[in-house]
N, C-alpha and C. Protein backbone atom coordinates (compact mmCIF):
# COMPACT_ATOMS: atom_id res chain seq x y z
N MET A 1 0.84 -1.15 0.02
CA MET A 1 0.01 -0.01 0.00
C MET A 1 0.90 1.27 0.00
N ALA A 2 0.54 2.21 -0.76
CA ALA A 2 1.27 3.50 -0.82
C ALA A 2 1.15 4.21 0.44
N GLU A 3 2.19 5.06 0.77
CA GLU A 3 2.18 5.81 1.98
C GLU A 3 0.97 6.76 2.10
N ASN A 4 0.55 7.37 0.97
CA ASN A 4 -0.51 8.29 1.03
C ASN A 4 -1.96 7.67 0.93
N GLU A 5 -2.02 6.37 0.88
CA GLU A 5 -3.27 5.68 0.87
C GLU A 5 -3.84 5.59 2.29
N VAL A 6 -5.06 6.09 2.43
CA VAL A 6 -5.64 6.03 3.77
C VAL A 6 -6.73 4.97 3.78
N LYS A 7 -6.74 4.14 4.81
CA LYS A 7 -7.72 3.09 4.94
C LYS A 7 -8.89 3.57 5.76
N ASP A 8 -10.13 3.23 5.37
CA ASP A 8 -11.27 3.62 6.22
C ASP A 8 -11.54 2.54 7.23
N VAL A 9 -12.62 2.66 7.94
CA VAL A 9 -12.94 1.77 9.10
C VAL A 9 -12.93 0.33 8.66
N ALA A 10 -13.48 0.08 7.45
CA ALA A 10 -13.55 -1.33 7.03
C ALA A 10 -12.23 -1.87 6.46
N GLY A 11 -11.21 -1.03 6.48
CA GLY A 11 -9.90 -1.43 6.02
C GLY A 11 -9.80 -1.28 4.48
N GLU A 12 -10.68 -0.61 3.90
CA GLU A 12 -10.67 -0.41 2.40
C GLU A 12 -10.10 1.00 2.05
N SER A 13 -9.20 1.05 1.14
CA SER A 13 -8.64 2.39 0.80
C SER A 13 -9.74 3.25 0.12
N LYS A 14 -9.52 4.54 0.14
CA LYS A 14 -10.44 5.48 -0.57
C LYS A 14 -10.53 5.11 -2.04
N SER A 15 -9.41 4.81 -2.66
CA SER A 15 -9.36 4.44 -4.04
C SER A 15 -10.14 3.19 -4.37
N ASP A 16 -9.92 2.18 -3.50
CA ASP A 16 -10.67 0.91 -3.68
C ASP A 16 -12.17 1.14 -3.52
N LYS A 17 -12.51 1.95 -2.54
CA LYS A 17 -13.93 2.23 -2.28
C LYS A 17 -14.55 2.96 -3.46
N PHE A 18 -13.79 3.95 -3.99
CA PHE A 18 -14.27 4.65 -5.20
C PHE A 18 -14.53 3.71 -6.33
N LYS A 19 -13.55 2.86 -6.62
CA LYS A 19 -13.68 1.90 -7.72
C LYS A 19 -14.83 0.93 -7.52
N ARG A 20 -15.03 0.43 -6.29
CA ARG A 20 -16.13 -0.49 -5.99
C ARG A 20 -17.50 0.18 -6.23
N LEU A 21 -17.61 1.35 -5.63
CA LEU A 21 -18.87 2.09 -5.72
C LEU A 21 -19.15 2.62 -7.20
N ALA A 22 -18.12 3.09 -7.83
CA ALA A 22 -18.26 3.62 -9.19
C ALA A 22 -18.73 2.53 -10.14
N SER A 23 -18.10 1.36 -10.01
CA SER A 23 -18.43 0.28 -10.88
C SER A 23 -19.93 -0.08 -10.73
N LYS A 24 -20.38 -0.24 -9.52
CA LYS A 24 -21.81 -0.61 -9.23
C LYS A 24 -22.71 0.48 -9.75
N ARG A 25 -22.41 1.72 -9.41
CA ARG A 25 -23.29 2.85 -9.77
C ARG A 25 -23.37 3.07 -11.31
N VAL A 26 -22.24 2.99 -11.96
CA VAL A 26 -22.18 3.16 -13.45
C VAL A 26 -23.00 2.07 -14.12
N VAL A 27 -22.78 0.86 -13.74
CA VAL A 27 -23.57 -0.30 -14.31
C VAL A 27 -25.02 -0.06 -14.09
N SER A 28 -25.43 0.33 -12.87
CA SER A 28 -26.79 0.60 -12.61
C SER A 28 -27.40 1.73 -13.46
N ALA A 29 -26.64 2.85 -13.58
CA ALA A 29 -27.08 3.94 -14.37
C ALA A 29 -27.25 3.58 -15.82
N ILE A 30 -26.30 2.83 -16.38
CA ILE A 30 -26.37 2.39 -17.79
C ILE A 30 -27.60 1.48 -18.00
N SER A 31 -27.86 0.61 -16.99
CA SER A 31 -29.07 -0.22 -17.11
C SER A 31 -30.34 0.57 -17.10
N LYS A 32 -30.43 1.58 -16.30
CA LYS A 32 -31.57 2.45 -16.22
C LYS A 32 -31.78 3.25 -17.49
N ILE A 33 -30.67 3.71 -18.07
CA ILE A 33 -30.72 4.49 -19.35
C ILE A 33 -31.25 3.55 -20.47
N GLU A 34 -30.76 2.33 -20.48
CA GLU A 34 -31.26 1.38 -21.45
C GLU A 34 -32.71 1.08 -21.29
N LEU A 35 -33.24 1.13 -20.09
CA LEU A 35 -34.68 1.04 -19.87
C LEU A 35 -35.44 2.17 -20.50
N ILE A 36 -34.84 3.40 -20.34
CA ILE A 36 -35.49 4.57 -20.99
C ILE A 36 -35.45 4.34 -22.46
N ALA A 37 -34.40 3.89 -23.04
CA ALA A 37 -34.38 3.65 -24.52
C ALA A 37 -35.51 2.72 -24.96
N ASN A 38 -35.87 1.80 -24.08
CA ASN A 38 -36.95 0.89 -24.45
C ASN A 38 -38.27 1.64 -24.69
N LEU A 39 -38.40 2.81 -24.21
CA LEU A 39 -39.59 3.59 -24.33
C LEU A 39 -39.75 4.04 -25.77
N ALA A 40 -38.76 3.87 -26.63
CA ALA A 40 -38.85 4.18 -28.07
C ALA A 40 -39.58 3.15 -28.85
N ALA A 41 -39.93 2.02 -28.17
CA ALA A 41 -40.67 0.93 -28.88
C ALA A 41 -41.97 1.39 -29.40
N PRO A 42 -42.42 0.74 -30.49
CA PRO A 42 -43.74 1.06 -31.10
C PRO A 42 -44.94 0.95 -30.14
N SER A 43 -44.73 0.26 -29.04
CA SER A 43 -45.87 0.08 -28.11
C SER A 43 -46.14 1.28 -27.30
N TYR A 44 -45.35 2.32 -27.45
CA TYR A 44 -45.55 3.56 -26.76
C TYR A 44 -45.76 4.74 -27.68
N GLU A 45 -46.46 5.73 -27.22
CA GLU A 45 -46.71 6.88 -28.04
C GLU A 45 -46.16 8.16 -27.31
N TYR A 46 -45.43 8.95 -28.10
CA TYR A 46 -44.74 10.08 -27.46
C TYR A 46 -44.56 11.19 -28.52
N THR A 47 -44.36 12.38 -28.07
CA THR A 47 -44.19 13.55 -28.92
C THR A 47 -42.66 13.84 -28.94
N PRO A 48 -42.32 14.55 -30.08
CA PRO A 48 -40.87 14.97 -30.14
C PRO A 48 -40.52 15.88 -28.99
N GLU A 49 -41.43 16.66 -28.50
CA GLU A 49 -41.20 17.55 -27.35
C GLU A 49 -40.91 16.74 -26.09
N GLU A 50 -41.63 15.65 -25.89
CA GLU A 50 -41.39 14.78 -24.66
C GLU A 50 -40.05 14.15 -24.81
N VAL A 51 -39.70 13.68 -26.00
CA VAL A 51 -38.32 13.07 -26.24
C VAL A 51 -37.25 14.11 -25.95
N ALA A 52 -37.41 15.31 -26.45
CA ALA A 52 -36.39 16.35 -26.20
C ALA A 52 -36.27 16.66 -24.74
N LYS A 53 -37.37 16.64 -24.03
CA LYS A 53 -37.30 16.91 -22.61
C LYS A 53 -36.60 15.83 -21.80
N ILE A 54 -36.87 14.55 -22.16
CA ILE A 54 -36.11 13.44 -21.59
C ILE A 54 -34.63 13.57 -21.89
N LEU A 55 -34.29 13.72 -23.16
CA LEU A 55 -32.84 13.84 -23.56
C LEU A 55 -32.14 15.02 -22.84
N ALA A 56 -32.83 16.14 -22.72
CA ALA A 56 -32.22 17.31 -22.04
C ALA A 56 -32.00 17.00 -20.55
N ALA A 57 -32.93 16.32 -19.91
CA ALA A 57 -32.76 15.96 -18.50
C ALA A 57 -31.59 15.01 -18.34
N LEU A 58 -31.47 14.05 -19.23
CA LEU A 58 -30.33 13.09 -19.14
C LEU A 58 -29.04 13.80 -19.38
N GLN A 59 -28.99 14.68 -20.41
CA GLN A 59 -27.79 15.41 -20.67
C GLN A 59 -27.41 16.37 -19.57
N GLY A 60 -28.42 16.93 -18.89
CA GLY A 60 -28.20 17.80 -17.75
C GLY A 60 -27.55 17.03 -16.62
N SER A 61 -28.00 15.82 -16.36
CA SER A 61 -27.44 15.02 -15.37
C SER A 61 -26.02 14.62 -15.63
N VAL A 62 -25.70 14.30 -16.86
CA VAL A 62 -24.35 13.97 -17.32
C VAL A 62 -23.45 15.17 -17.09
N ASP A 63 -23.94 16.37 -17.44
CA ASP A 63 -23.21 17.61 -17.23
C ASP A 63 -22.91 17.88 -15.76
N LYS A 64 -23.90 17.49 -14.91
CA LYS A 64 -23.66 17.71 -13.47
C LYS A 64 -22.55 16.77 -12.98
N VAL A 65 -22.53 15.53 -13.48
CA VAL A 65 -21.45 14.67 -13.13
C VAL A 65 -20.11 15.18 -13.50
N LYS A 66 -20.01 15.73 -14.75
CA LYS A 66 -18.77 16.30 -15.21
C LYS A 66 -18.41 17.49 -14.29
N ALA A 67 -19.32 18.36 -13.91
CA ALA A 67 -19.05 19.47 -13.07
C ALA A 67 -18.57 19.02 -11.65
N ALA A 68 -19.23 17.93 -11.16
CA ALA A 68 -18.81 17.49 -9.83
C ALA A 68 -17.39 17.02 -9.84
N PHE A 69 -16.97 16.30 -10.90
CA PHE A 69 -15.59 15.86 -10.96
C PHE A 69 -14.59 16.94 -11.27
N SER A 70 -15.08 18.07 -11.72
CA SER A 70 -14.19 19.24 -11.94
C SER A 70 -14.40 20.23 -10.77
N LYS A 71 -15.03 19.81 -9.75
CA LYS A 71 -15.22 20.54 -8.52
C LYS A 71 -16.01 21.83 -8.70
N GLN A 72 -16.99 21.84 -9.60
CA GLN A 72 -17.85 22.96 -9.86
C GLN A 72 -19.10 22.78 -8.97
N LYS A 73 -19.79 23.88 -8.59
CA LYS A 73 -20.96 23.74 -7.86
C LYS A 73 -22.11 23.15 -8.73
N ILE A 74 -22.90 22.21 -8.13
CA ILE A 74 -24.00 21.54 -8.89
C ILE A 74 -25.23 21.75 -8.10
N GLU A 75 -26.39 21.74 -8.83
CA GLU A 75 -27.66 21.90 -8.20
C GLU A 75 -28.53 20.71 -8.57
N LYS A 76 -29.38 20.24 -7.67
CA LYS A 76 -30.28 19.13 -7.94
C LYS A 76 -31.43 19.62 -8.80
N THR A 77 -31.94 18.74 -9.66
CA THR A 77 -33.08 19.07 -10.45
C THR A 77 -34.09 18.00 -10.32
N VAL A 78 -35.33 18.33 -10.61
CA VAL A 78 -36.42 17.34 -10.61
C VAL A 78 -36.97 17.27 -12.01
N PHE A 79 -37.24 16.06 -12.45
CA PHE A 79 -37.74 15.82 -13.84
C PHE A 79 -39.25 15.45 -13.78
N THR A 80 -40.04 16.11 -14.61
CA THR A 80 -41.41 15.66 -14.90
C THR A 80 -41.69 15.94 -16.31
N LEU A 81 -42.59 15.15 -16.88
CA LEU A 81 -42.96 15.39 -18.27
C LEU A 81 -44.16 16.36 -18.25
């Protein structure tokens, strides 16, 4: 273990904890996004405006993740159609 690596209470380094949590959360997020993509099936009816609103909300969330990693201030948003 590197000298600057700090272990938390469970004995897991901050880096290992980040990797463990990031892996789970990104897999989960991708799965949820793929479920949203399923809404494009012919069994649903939607307007171009609704699609644009969904895509803007998703892009906004991705932008917030980018901002968080670059240490910029982020605000929570609520999505409704």
